[in-house]
N, C-alpha and C. Protein backbone atom coordinates (compact mmCIF):
# COMPACT_ATOMS: atom_id res chain seq x y z
N UNK A 1 7.13 156.13 -170.73
CA UNK A 1 7.56 154.80 -170.49
C UNK A 1 7.96 154.72 -168.98
N UNK A 2 7.71 153.73 -168.40
CA UNK A 2 8.16 153.49 -166.99
C UNK A 2 8.65 152.02 -166.90
N UNK A 3 9.66 151.71 -166.04
CA UNK A 3 10.04 150.34 -165.92
C UNK A 3 10.24 150.14 -164.44
N UNK A 4 10.25 148.83 -163.96
CA UNK A 4 10.43 148.43 -162.64
C UNK A 4 11.35 147.11 -162.70
N UNK A 5 12.39 147.07 -161.77
CA UNK A 5 13.16 145.81 -161.73
C UNK A 5 12.39 144.80 -160.92
N UNK A 6 12.37 143.59 -161.42
CA UNK A 6 11.68 142.54 -160.72
C UNK A 6 12.74 141.67 -159.93
N UNK A 7 12.26 140.74 -159.15
CA UNK A 7 13.06 139.93 -158.28
C UNK A 7 14.10 139.09 -159.13
N UNK A 8 13.70 138.57 -160.23
CA UNK A 8 14.41 137.75 -161.06
C UNK A 8 15.37 138.42 -161.99
N UNK A 9 15.74 139.71 -161.72
CA UNK A 9 16.56 140.60 -162.49
C UNK A 9 16.06 140.95 -163.89
N UNK A 10 14.75 140.68 -164.10
CA UNK A 10 14.11 141.11 -165.24
C UNK A 10 13.50 142.43 -165.07
N UNK A 11 13.16 143.12 -166.14
CA UNK A 11 12.53 144.51 -166.00
C UNK A 11 11.18 144.45 -166.66
N UNK A 12 10.28 145.04 -165.94
CA UNK A 12 8.91 145.23 -166.43
C UNK A 12 8.81 146.57 -166.97
N UNK A 13 8.48 146.70 -168.29
CA UNK A 13 8.44 147.95 -168.96
C UNK A 13 6.93 148.18 -169.26
N UNK A 14 6.45 149.46 -168.94
CA UNK A 14 5.12 149.79 -169.23
C UNK A 14 5.14 151.04 -170.03
N UNK A 15 4.42 151.09 -171.12
CA UNK A 15 4.39 152.29 -171.98
C UNK A 15 2.91 152.66 -172.07
N UNK A 16 2.63 153.94 -172.19
CA UNK A 16 1.32 154.50 -172.28
C UNK A 16 1.36 155.71 -173.23
N UNK A 17 0.22 156.02 -173.79
CA UNK A 17 0.01 157.13 -174.64
C UNK A 17 -0.01 158.36 -173.70
N UNK A 18 0.86 159.37 -173.98
CA UNK A 18 0.92 160.54 -173.16
C UNK A 18 -0.45 161.31 -172.97
N UNK A 19 -1.24 161.30 -173.98
CA UNK A 19 -2.66 161.86 -173.86
C UNK A 19 -3.47 161.18 -172.90
N UNK A 20 -3.36 159.79 -172.89
CA UNK A 20 -4.12 158.96 -171.92
C UNK A 20 -3.64 159.33 -170.51
N UNK A 21 -2.41 159.45 -170.27
CA UNK A 21 -1.83 159.70 -168.94
C UNK A 21 -2.25 161.12 -168.49
N UNK A 22 -2.20 162.09 -169.34
CA UNK A 22 -2.64 163.45 -168.94
C UNK A 22 -4.16 163.49 -168.78
N UNK A 23 -4.94 162.74 -169.48
CA UNK A 23 -6.40 162.72 -169.32
C UNK A 23 -6.69 162.03 -167.90
N UNK A 24 -6.02 160.96 -167.68
CA UNK A 24 -6.18 160.32 -166.31
C UNK A 24 -5.83 161.28 -165.16
N UNK A 25 -4.70 162.02 -165.37
CA UNK A 25 -4.21 162.87 -164.32
C UNK A 25 -5.19 164.05 -164.09
N UNK A 26 -5.68 164.58 -165.23
CA UNK A 26 -6.71 165.71 -165.09
C UNK A 26 -8.00 165.17 -164.39
N UNK A 27 -8.43 163.95 -164.78
CA UNK A 27 -9.55 163.41 -164.10
C UNK A 27 -9.38 163.22 -162.68
N UNK A 28 -8.20 162.71 -162.29
CA UNK A 28 -7.86 162.50 -160.79
C UNK A 28 -7.87 163.77 -160.15
N UNK A 29 -7.22 164.85 -160.74
CA UNK A 29 -7.16 166.19 -160.18
C UNK A 29 -8.56 166.74 -159.91
N UNK A 30 -9.43 166.64 -160.96
CA UNK A 30 -10.74 167.13 -160.85
C UNK A 30 -11.49 166.43 -159.83
N UNK A 31 -11.44 165.16 -159.69
CA UNK A 31 -12.05 164.34 -158.65
C UNK A 31 -11.57 164.79 -157.14
N UNK A 32 -10.32 165.13 -157.08
CA UNK A 32 -9.76 165.57 -155.81
C UNK A 32 -10.35 166.97 -155.45
N UNK A 33 -10.38 167.84 -156.37
CA UNK A 33 -10.93 169.18 -156.19
C UNK A 33 -12.45 169.09 -155.79
N UNK A 34 -13.17 168.30 -156.58
CA UNK A 34 -14.65 168.15 -156.36
C UNK A 34 -14.91 167.52 -154.96
N UNK A 35 -14.06 166.56 -154.59
CA UNK A 35 -14.20 165.91 -153.31
C UNK A 35 -14.00 166.97 -152.12
N UNK A 36 -12.88 167.66 -152.38
CA UNK A 36 -12.57 168.70 -151.29
C UNK A 36 -13.62 169.72 -151.12
N UNK A 37 -14.09 170.17 -152.36
CA UNK A 37 -15.27 171.10 -152.21
C UNK A 37 -16.49 170.50 -151.53
N UNK A 38 -16.81 169.28 -151.83
CA UNK A 38 -17.94 168.60 -151.16
C UNK A 38 -17.74 168.47 -149.69
N UNK A 39 -16.56 168.12 -149.32
CA UNK A 39 -16.18 168.04 -147.81
C UNK A 39 -16.30 169.39 -147.26
N UNK A 40 -15.87 170.44 -147.88
CA UNK A 40 -16.03 171.84 -147.35
C UNK A 40 -17.39 172.20 -147.20
N UNK A 41 -18.25 171.89 -148.16
CA UNK A 41 -19.67 172.22 -148.06
C UNK A 41 -20.37 171.42 -146.96
N UNK A 42 -19.95 170.21 -146.75
CA UNK A 42 -20.51 169.46 -145.65
C UNK A 42 -20.15 169.99 -144.35
N UNK A 43 -18.96 170.32 -144.18
CA UNK A 43 -18.58 170.98 -142.86
C UNK A 43 -19.35 172.30 -142.64
N UNK A 44 -19.45 173.15 -143.68
CA UNK A 44 -20.16 174.34 -143.52
C UNK A 44 -21.60 174.10 -143.19
N UNK A 45 -22.21 173.20 -143.78
CA UNK A 45 -23.60 172.82 -143.41
C UNK A 45 -23.76 172.38 -142.00
N UNK A 46 -22.72 171.53 -141.49
CA UNK A 46 -22.73 171.02 -140.11
C UNK A 46 -22.45 172.18 -139.21
N UNK A 47 -21.67 173.13 -139.51
CA UNK A 47 -21.26 174.30 -138.71
C UNK A 47 -22.62 175.19 -138.55
N UNK A 48 -23.31 175.30 -139.69
CA UNK A 48 -24.56 176.15 -139.60
C UNK A 48 -25.66 175.48 -138.79
N UNK A 49 -25.74 174.16 -138.91
CA UNK A 49 -26.67 173.40 -138.19
C UNK A 49 -26.34 173.53 -136.66
N UNK A 50 -25.05 173.32 -136.35
CA UNK A 50 -24.61 173.43 -134.97
C UNK A 50 -24.93 174.82 -134.36
N UNK A 51 -24.67 175.92 -135.21
CA UNK A 51 -24.98 177.26 -134.73
C UNK A 51 -26.45 177.41 -134.46
N UNK A 52 -27.22 176.84 -135.35
CA UNK A 52 -28.74 177.00 -135.26
C UNK A 52 -29.12 176.32 -133.93
N UNK A 53 -28.59 175.21 -133.66
CA UNK A 53 -29.10 174.37 -132.47
C UNK A 53 -28.48 174.84 -131.16
N UNK A 54 -27.25 175.36 -131.16
CA UNK A 54 -26.61 175.66 -129.97
C UNK A 54 -26.43 177.17 -129.75
N UNK A 55 -25.99 177.86 -130.59
CA UNK A 55 -25.68 179.29 -130.43
C UNK A 55 -26.88 180.25 -130.61
N UNK A 56 -27.82 179.87 -131.51
CA UNK A 56 -28.99 180.71 -131.70
C UNK A 56 -29.87 180.80 -130.44
N UNK A 57 -30.21 179.73 -129.76
CA UNK A 57 -30.90 179.91 -128.45
C UNK A 57 -30.23 180.80 -127.47
N UNK A 58 -28.79 180.61 -127.37
CA UNK A 58 -28.11 181.51 -126.47
C UNK A 58 -28.13 182.99 -126.98
N UNK A 59 -28.04 183.24 -128.18
CA UNK A 59 -28.17 184.60 -128.66
C UNK A 59 -29.53 185.20 -128.54
N UNK A 60 -30.55 184.37 -128.66
CA UNK A 60 -31.91 184.78 -128.47
C UNK A 60 -32.13 185.17 -126.96
N UNK A 61 -31.54 184.26 -126.11
CA UNK A 61 -31.66 184.60 -124.68
C UNK A 61 -30.86 185.88 -124.31
N UNK A 62 -29.73 186.07 -124.84
CA UNK A 62 -29.02 187.39 -124.63
C UNK A 62 -29.75 188.52 -125.10
N UNK A 63 -30.49 188.43 -126.30
CA UNK A 63 -31.30 189.54 -126.79
C UNK A 63 -32.38 189.80 -125.90
N UNK A 64 -33.10 188.82 -125.36
CA UNK A 64 -34.20 188.91 -124.49
C UNK A 64 -33.71 189.68 -123.23
N UNK A 65 -32.63 189.28 -122.70
CA UNK A 65 -32.09 189.89 -121.48
C UNK A 65 -31.64 191.32 -121.70
N UNK A 66 -31.21 191.60 -122.90
CA UNK A 66 -30.89 193.03 -123.27
C UNK A 66 -32.02 193.96 -123.26
N UNK A 67 -33.21 193.43 -123.27
CA UNK A 67 -34.41 194.31 -123.30
C UNK A 67 -35.13 194.29 -121.99
N UNK A 68 -34.54 193.74 -120.92
CA UNK A 68 -35.13 193.74 -119.58
C UNK A 68 -34.28 194.59 -118.70
N UNK A 69 -34.98 195.21 -117.77
CA UNK A 69 -34.31 195.92 -116.71
C UNK A 69 -33.72 194.88 -115.75
N UNK A 70 -32.50 195.04 -115.41
CA UNK A 70 -31.98 193.98 -114.51
C UNK A 70 -32.47 193.90 -113.10
N UNK A 71 -32.88 195.05 -112.49
CA UNK A 71 -33.51 195.03 -111.18
C UNK A 71 -34.85 194.56 -111.21
N UNK A 72 -35.72 195.20 -111.94
CA UNK A 72 -37.15 194.96 -111.77
C UNK A 72 -37.64 193.82 -112.72
N UNK A 73 -36.89 193.52 -113.73
CA UNK A 73 -37.46 192.37 -114.60
C UNK A 73 -38.46 192.88 -115.63
N UNK A 74 -38.80 194.22 -115.56
CA UNK A 74 -39.79 194.79 -116.59
C UNK A 74 -38.87 195.22 -117.86
N UNK A 75 -39.57 195.50 -118.88
CA UNK A 75 -38.81 195.89 -120.10
C UNK A 75 -38.11 197.18 -119.85
N UNK A 76 -36.96 197.47 -120.59
CA UNK A 76 -36.16 198.62 -120.32
C UNK A 76 -36.36 199.62 -121.45
N UNK A 77 -35.45 200.64 -121.34
CA UNK A 77 -35.70 201.86 -122.26
C UNK A 77 -35.45 201.47 -123.82
N UNK A 78 -34.58 200.52 -123.95
CA UNK A 78 -34.29 199.94 -125.35
C UNK A 78 -35.52 199.36 -125.95
N UNK A 79 -36.14 198.53 -125.06
CA UNK A 79 -37.33 197.88 -125.51
C UNK A 79 -38.46 198.86 -125.74
N UNK A 80 -38.50 199.89 -124.95
CA UNK A 80 -39.56 200.95 -125.11
C UNK A 80 -39.37 201.73 -126.38
N UNK A 81 -38.11 202.01 -126.75
CA UNK A 81 -37.84 202.72 -127.96
C UNK A 81 -38.15 201.86 -129.21
N UNK A 82 -37.94 200.58 -129.09
CA UNK A 82 -38.39 199.59 -130.16
C UNK A 82 -39.86 199.57 -130.28
N UNK A 83 -40.61 199.52 -129.16
CA UNK A 83 -42.06 199.53 -129.17
C UNK A 83 -42.62 200.82 -129.81
N UNK A 84 -41.89 201.96 -129.48
CA UNK A 84 -42.33 203.25 -130.16
C UNK A 84 -42.25 203.14 -131.65
N UNK A 85 -41.16 202.56 -132.16
CA UNK A 85 -40.94 202.41 -133.59
C UNK A 85 -42.12 201.51 -134.16
N UNK A 86 -42.42 200.49 -133.48
CA UNK A 86 -43.60 199.59 -133.89
C UNK A 86 -44.83 200.38 -133.93
N UNK A 87 -45.14 201.16 -132.92
CA UNK A 87 -46.44 201.96 -132.81
C UNK A 87 -46.42 203.04 -133.88
N UNK A 88 -45.34 203.65 -134.12
CA UNK A 88 -45.22 204.67 -135.11
C UNK A 88 -45.69 204.08 -136.44
N UNK A 89 -45.27 202.82 -136.67
CA UNK A 89 -45.70 202.17 -137.96
C UNK A 89 -47.14 201.96 -138.01
N UNK A 90 -47.70 201.52 -136.84
CA UNK A 90 -49.17 201.33 -136.75
C UNK A 90 -49.93 202.65 -137.00
N UNK A 91 -49.38 203.73 -136.42
CA UNK A 91 -50.00 205.01 -136.67
C UNK A 91 -50.07 205.33 -138.17
N UNK A 92 -48.91 205.15 -138.87
CA UNK A 92 -48.80 205.46 -140.29
C UNK A 92 -49.88 204.53 -140.99
N UNK A 93 -50.08 203.33 -140.64
CA UNK A 93 -50.99 202.43 -141.28
C UNK A 93 -52.40 202.72 -140.87
N UNK A 94 -52.58 203.56 -139.79
CA UNK A 94 -53.99 203.78 -139.34
C UNK A 94 -54.60 202.72 -138.57
N UNK A 95 -53.78 201.81 -137.97
CA UNK A 95 -54.34 200.70 -137.27
C UNK A 95 -53.92 200.76 -135.74
N UNK A 96 -53.45 201.94 -135.28
CA UNK A 96 -53.02 202.08 -133.91
C UNK A 96 -54.23 202.20 -132.94
N UNK A 97 -54.07 201.46 -131.83
CA UNK A 97 -54.99 201.58 -130.74
C UNK A 97 -54.25 201.29 -129.48
N UNK A 98 -53.78 202.42 -128.93
CA UNK A 98 -52.87 202.37 -127.73
C UNK A 98 -52.97 203.54 -126.83
N UNK A 99 -52.44 203.45 -125.67
CA UNK A 99 -52.30 204.60 -124.83
C UNK A 99 -51.14 204.31 -123.83
N UNK A 100 -50.51 205.41 -123.37
CA UNK A 100 -49.49 205.33 -122.46
C UNK A 100 -49.86 205.99 -121.13
N UNK A 101 -49.37 205.36 -120.07
CA UNK A 101 -49.40 206.06 -118.77
C UNK A 101 -47.96 206.13 -118.29
N UNK A 102 -47.54 207.35 -117.93
CA UNK A 102 -46.24 207.65 -117.51
C UNK A 102 -46.30 207.93 -116.02
N UNK A 103 -45.39 207.13 -115.29
CA UNK A 103 -45.40 207.27 -113.81
C UNK A 103 -44.00 207.59 -113.41
N UNK A 104 -43.94 208.61 -112.58
CA UNK A 104 -42.70 209.11 -112.06
C UNK A 104 -42.79 208.95 -110.60
N UNK A 105 -42.16 207.99 -110.00
CA UNK A 105 -42.33 207.81 -108.55
C UNK A 105 -41.37 208.79 -107.88
N UNK A 106 -41.89 209.34 -106.69
CA UNK A 106 -41.22 210.27 -105.92
C UNK A 106 -40.40 209.69 -104.80
N UNK A 107 -39.37 210.51 -104.32
CA UNK A 107 -38.63 210.13 -103.16
C UNK A 107 -37.60 208.92 -103.35
N UNK A 108 -37.38 208.51 -104.51
CA UNK A 108 -36.27 207.52 -104.69
C UNK A 108 -34.89 207.97 -104.11
N UNK A 109 -34.60 209.14 -104.47
CA UNK A 109 -33.30 209.76 -104.03
C UNK A 109 -33.28 209.84 -102.36
N UNK A 110 -34.37 210.24 -101.87
CA UNK A 110 -34.47 210.43 -100.40
C UNK A 110 -34.38 209.12 -99.77
N UNK A 111 -34.96 208.15 -100.32
CA UNK A 111 -34.86 206.69 -99.73
C UNK A 111 -33.52 206.19 -99.83
N UNK A 112 -32.92 206.42 -101.02
CA UNK A 112 -31.51 205.95 -101.22
C UNK A 112 -30.54 206.60 -100.18
N UNK A 113 -30.73 207.89 -100.05
CA UNK A 113 -29.91 208.63 -99.18
C UNK A 113 -30.12 208.32 -97.70
N UNK A 114 -31.33 208.11 -97.32
CA UNK A 114 -31.67 207.99 -95.93
C UNK A 114 -31.57 206.43 -95.49
N UNK A 115 -31.86 205.50 -96.36
CA UNK A 115 -31.98 204.15 -95.97
C UNK A 115 -30.98 203.20 -96.64
N UNK A 116 -30.42 203.73 -97.76
CA UNK A 116 -29.43 203.02 -98.60
C UNK A 116 -30.11 202.52 -99.84
N UNK A 117 -29.20 202.16 -100.67
CA UNK A 117 -29.62 201.76 -102.09
C UNK A 117 -30.31 200.44 -102.03
N UNK A 118 -30.00 199.59 -101.16
CA UNK A 118 -30.87 198.35 -101.03
C UNK A 118 -32.34 198.60 -100.86
N UNK A 119 -32.52 199.51 -100.00
CA UNK A 119 -34.09 199.95 -99.75
C UNK A 119 -34.63 200.75 -100.97
N UNK A 120 -33.72 201.51 -101.68
CA UNK A 120 -34.07 202.09 -102.87
C UNK A 120 -34.47 201.12 -103.96
N UNK A 121 -33.78 200.00 -104.01
CA UNK A 121 -34.14 198.91 -104.89
C UNK A 121 -35.45 198.22 -104.48
N UNK A 122 -35.72 198.13 -103.21
CA UNK A 122 -36.94 197.54 -102.67
C UNK A 122 -38.14 198.50 -103.09
N UNK A 123 -37.86 199.81 -103.02
CA UNK A 123 -38.77 200.83 -103.39
C UNK A 123 -39.25 200.66 -104.83
N UNK A 124 -38.19 200.53 -105.69
CA UNK A 124 -38.52 200.27 -107.22
C UNK A 124 -39.24 199.02 -107.42
N UNK A 125 -38.96 198.04 -106.68
CA UNK A 125 -39.69 196.68 -106.74
C UNK A 125 -41.12 196.85 -106.34
N UNK A 126 -41.29 197.74 -105.33
CA UNK A 126 -42.73 198.01 -104.99
C UNK A 126 -43.52 198.75 -106.08
N UNK A 127 -42.77 199.63 -106.61
CA UNK A 127 -43.38 200.40 -107.72
C UNK A 127 -43.83 199.34 -108.82
N UNK A 128 -42.95 198.45 -109.15
CA UNK A 128 -43.25 197.48 -110.32
C UNK A 128 -44.47 196.56 -109.81
N UNK A 129 -44.50 196.27 -108.51
CA UNK A 129 -45.61 195.46 -107.97
C UNK A 129 -46.92 196.21 -108.15
N UNK A 130 -46.91 197.43 -107.77
CA UNK A 130 -48.08 198.25 -107.88
C UNK A 130 -48.55 198.37 -109.36
N UNK A 131 -47.66 198.72 -110.16
CA UNK A 131 -47.97 198.78 -111.56
C UNK A 131 -48.56 197.51 -112.14
N UNK A 132 -47.99 196.36 -111.83
CA UNK A 132 -48.32 195.09 -112.46
C UNK A 132 -49.69 194.72 -111.91
N UNK A 133 -49.92 194.99 -110.55
CA UNK A 133 -51.24 194.74 -109.89
C UNK A 133 -52.39 195.56 -110.51
N UNK A 134 -51.98 196.86 -110.76
CA UNK A 134 -52.98 197.84 -111.16
C UNK A 134 -53.26 197.86 -112.70
N UNK A 135 -52.32 197.33 -113.47
CA UNK A 135 -52.51 197.39 -114.94
C UNK A 135 -52.21 196.00 -115.49
N UNK A 136 -53.09 195.01 -115.14
CA UNK A 136 -52.91 193.65 -115.60
C UNK A 136 -52.81 193.60 -117.11
N UNK A 137 -51.99 192.70 -117.61
CA UNK A 137 -51.95 192.58 -119.09
C UNK A 137 -51.24 193.58 -119.88
N UNK A 138 -50.81 194.70 -119.27
CA UNK A 138 -50.08 195.76 -119.97
C UNK A 138 -48.62 195.59 -119.83
N UNK A 139 -47.95 196.09 -120.81
CA UNK A 139 -46.45 196.19 -120.91
C UNK A 139 -46.03 197.27 -119.96
N UNK A 140 -45.04 196.98 -119.22
CA UNK A 140 -44.34 197.87 -118.24
C UNK A 140 -42.94 198.15 -118.73
N UNK A 141 -42.52 199.37 -118.76
CA UNK A 141 -41.17 199.70 -119.12
C UNK A 141 -40.53 200.62 -118.05
N UNK A 142 -39.33 200.37 -117.78
CA UNK A 142 -38.56 201.22 -116.81
C UNK A 142 -37.66 202.07 -117.71
N UNK A 143 -38.08 203.41 -117.97
CA UNK A 143 -37.40 204.32 -118.84
C UNK A 143 -36.31 205.12 -118.26
N UNK A 144 -36.35 205.22 -116.89
CA UNK A 144 -35.33 205.98 -116.26
C UNK A 144 -35.18 205.42 -114.86
N UNK A 145 -34.50 206.12 -114.05
CA UNK A 145 -34.19 205.73 -112.68
C UNK A 145 -35.49 205.33 -111.90
N UNK A 146 -36.47 206.32 -111.79
CA UNK A 146 -37.68 206.06 -111.10
C UNK A 146 -38.92 206.34 -112.03
N UNK A 147 -38.56 206.30 -113.32
CA UNK A 147 -39.70 206.56 -114.31
C UNK A 147 -40.10 205.37 -115.03
N UNK A 148 -41.32 205.15 -115.07
CA UNK A 148 -41.96 203.92 -115.69
C UNK A 148 -43.08 204.38 -116.68
N UNK A 149 -43.20 203.51 -117.71
CA UNK A 149 -44.28 203.74 -118.73
C UNK A 149 -45.09 202.52 -118.79
N UNK A 150 -46.40 202.63 -118.75
CA UNK A 150 -47.26 201.46 -118.97
C UNK A 150 -47.91 201.71 -120.28
N UNK A 151 -47.80 200.70 -121.16
CA UNK A 151 -48.39 200.68 -122.56
C UNK A 151 -49.60 199.82 -122.52
N UNK A 152 -50.67 200.54 -122.91
CA UNK A 152 -51.97 199.84 -123.02
C UNK A 152 -52.30 199.73 -124.54
N UNK A 153 -52.29 198.59 -125.07
CA UNK A 153 -52.61 198.35 -126.40
C UNK A 153 -53.89 197.60 -126.70
N UNK A 154 -54.68 198.13 -127.52
CA UNK A 154 -55.94 197.47 -127.85
C UNK A 154 -57.06 198.19 -127.24
N UNK A 155 -58.27 198.19 -127.92
CA UNK A 155 -59.40 198.78 -127.46
C UNK A 155 -59.80 198.44 -125.97
N UNK A 156 -59.71 197.08 -125.57
CA UNK A 156 -60.16 196.71 -124.37
C UNK A 156 -59.27 197.40 -123.27
N UNK A 157 -57.93 197.31 -123.53
CA UNK A 157 -57.04 198.00 -122.57
C UNK A 157 -57.29 199.51 -122.37
N UNK A 158 -57.63 200.18 -123.44
CA UNK A 158 -57.93 201.59 -123.36
C UNK A 158 -59.32 201.91 -122.63
N UNK A 159 -60.28 200.98 -122.87
CA UNK A 159 -61.49 201.24 -122.14
C UNK A 159 -61.36 200.93 -120.63
N UNK A 160 -60.37 200.21 -120.23
CA UNK A 160 -60.08 199.86 -118.86
C UNK A 160 -59.07 200.79 -118.24
N UNK A 161 -58.57 201.82 -118.89
CA UNK A 161 -57.49 202.59 -118.39
C UNK A 161 -57.94 203.49 -117.16
N UNK A 162 -59.10 203.98 -117.11
CA UNK A 162 -59.57 204.68 -115.91
C UNK A 162 -59.61 203.86 -114.65
N UNK A 163 -60.02 202.59 -114.84
CA UNK A 163 -60.02 201.60 -113.72
C UNK A 163 -58.67 201.20 -113.28
N UNK A 164 -57.76 201.09 -114.21
CA UNK A 164 -56.35 200.80 -113.87
C UNK A 164 -55.73 201.95 -113.01
N UNK A 165 -56.01 203.21 -113.47
CA UNK A 165 -55.41 204.26 -112.65
C UNK A 165 -55.98 204.37 -111.33
N UNK A 166 -57.37 204.09 -111.19
CA UNK A 166 -58.05 204.07 -109.90
C UNK A 166 -57.47 202.91 -109.05
N UNK A 167 -57.26 201.87 -109.59
CA UNK A 167 -56.61 200.77 -108.88
C UNK A 167 -55.17 201.10 -108.36
N UNK A 168 -54.40 201.87 -109.17
CA UNK A 168 -53.18 202.26 -108.69
C UNK A 168 -53.28 203.28 -107.54
N UNK A 169 -54.13 204.11 -107.55
CA UNK A 169 -54.40 205.07 -106.49
C UNK A 169 -54.84 204.28 -105.16
N UNK A 170 -55.75 203.34 -105.34
CA UNK A 170 -56.30 202.57 -104.19
C UNK A 170 -55.09 201.78 -103.59
N UNK A 171 -54.24 201.14 -104.46
CA UNK A 171 -53.12 200.41 -104.05
C UNK A 171 -52.22 201.29 -103.11
N UNK A 172 -51.91 202.44 -103.56
CA UNK A 172 -51.00 203.31 -102.75
C UNK A 172 -51.77 203.75 -101.46
N UNK A 173 -53.01 204.11 -101.46
CA UNK A 173 -53.74 204.52 -100.27
C UNK A 173 -53.72 203.35 -99.27
N UNK A 174 -54.01 202.13 -99.73
CA UNK A 174 -53.99 200.93 -98.89
C UNK A 174 -52.57 200.82 -98.22
N UNK A 175 -51.53 201.03 -98.90
CA UNK A 175 -50.14 200.89 -98.33
C UNK A 175 -49.95 201.97 -97.30
N UNK A 176 -50.42 203.13 -97.63
CA UNK A 176 -50.33 204.22 -96.57
C UNK A 176 -51.01 203.84 -95.28
N UNK A 177 -52.31 203.39 -95.34
CA UNK A 177 -53.07 203.03 -94.22
C UNK A 177 -52.47 201.89 -93.41
N UNK A 178 -51.81 201.00 -94.08
CA UNK A 178 -51.14 199.76 -93.50
C UNK A 178 -49.93 200.29 -92.68
N UNK A 179 -49.48 201.58 -92.87
CA UNK A 179 -48.25 202.10 -92.18
C UNK A 179 -47.01 201.26 -92.55
N UNK A 180 -46.91 201.02 -93.85
CA UNK A 180 -45.70 200.23 -94.39
C UNK A 180 -44.49 201.09 -94.20
N UNK A 181 -43.27 200.43 -94.46
CA UNK A 181 -42.09 201.08 -94.46
C UNK A 181 -42.02 202.06 -95.60
N UNK A 182 -41.22 203.14 -95.48
CA UNK A 182 -41.18 204.19 -96.54
C UNK A 182 -40.98 203.64 -97.96
N UNK A 183 -40.08 202.64 -98.03
CA UNK A 183 -39.81 202.06 -99.34
C UNK A 183 -40.93 201.13 -99.88
N UNK A 184 -41.95 200.90 -99.17
CA UNK A 184 -43.07 200.18 -99.54
C UNK A 184 -44.35 201.00 -99.70
N UNK A 185 -44.18 202.24 -99.45
CA UNK A 185 -45.30 203.20 -99.64
C UNK A 185 -44.83 204.20 -100.82
N UNK A 186 -45.67 204.19 -101.78
CA UNK A 186 -45.32 204.88 -103.04
C UNK A 186 -46.11 206.24 -103.25
N UNK A 187 -45.41 207.19 -103.79
CA UNK A 187 -46.00 208.42 -104.16
C UNK A 187 -45.61 208.73 -105.60
N UNK A 188 -46.72 209.13 -106.40
CA UNK A 188 -46.47 209.51 -107.79
C UNK A 188 -47.00 210.87 -108.14
N UNK A 189 -46.36 211.43 -109.07
CA UNK A 189 -46.85 212.67 -109.60
C UNK A 189 -47.87 212.35 -110.80
């Protein structure tokens, strides 16, 4: 029972069955809990949507950059190791068609010591230029200070490997004949 005093000094008395009151209270509590859960699910969905639209591209960009060499812009050792895992799987499947060319440029330390690291960086950029000019369409990896790997994948790349190596030799000889700066003339083992 509940009562309320009215303006004219009368009292309004309301009575209700206790079971009805409890049933209504339980219904109200259930509706509040369900509404709160619905609102939480909506916020979680919106957060996931926002993550997908804003954070995912940034994370993908960071992952991409994590696989590139900061100086040369070619793929780095981490990327090379991941490619090795991929190729090992292809070998197990019997579907591998690839080859590697490993290039170890000479005199980087000498250029760094004699002309400074800025010219050493220019030397490495010349190495990458030669590789990309000589091995078009192939993946290039910087696996160490002056060590590079060129990965030729597919039958066509493998058939063209000798021509690419000849092109690299010709590129270097042309630079020597042009009497370029030491950091623009490359020597490989």
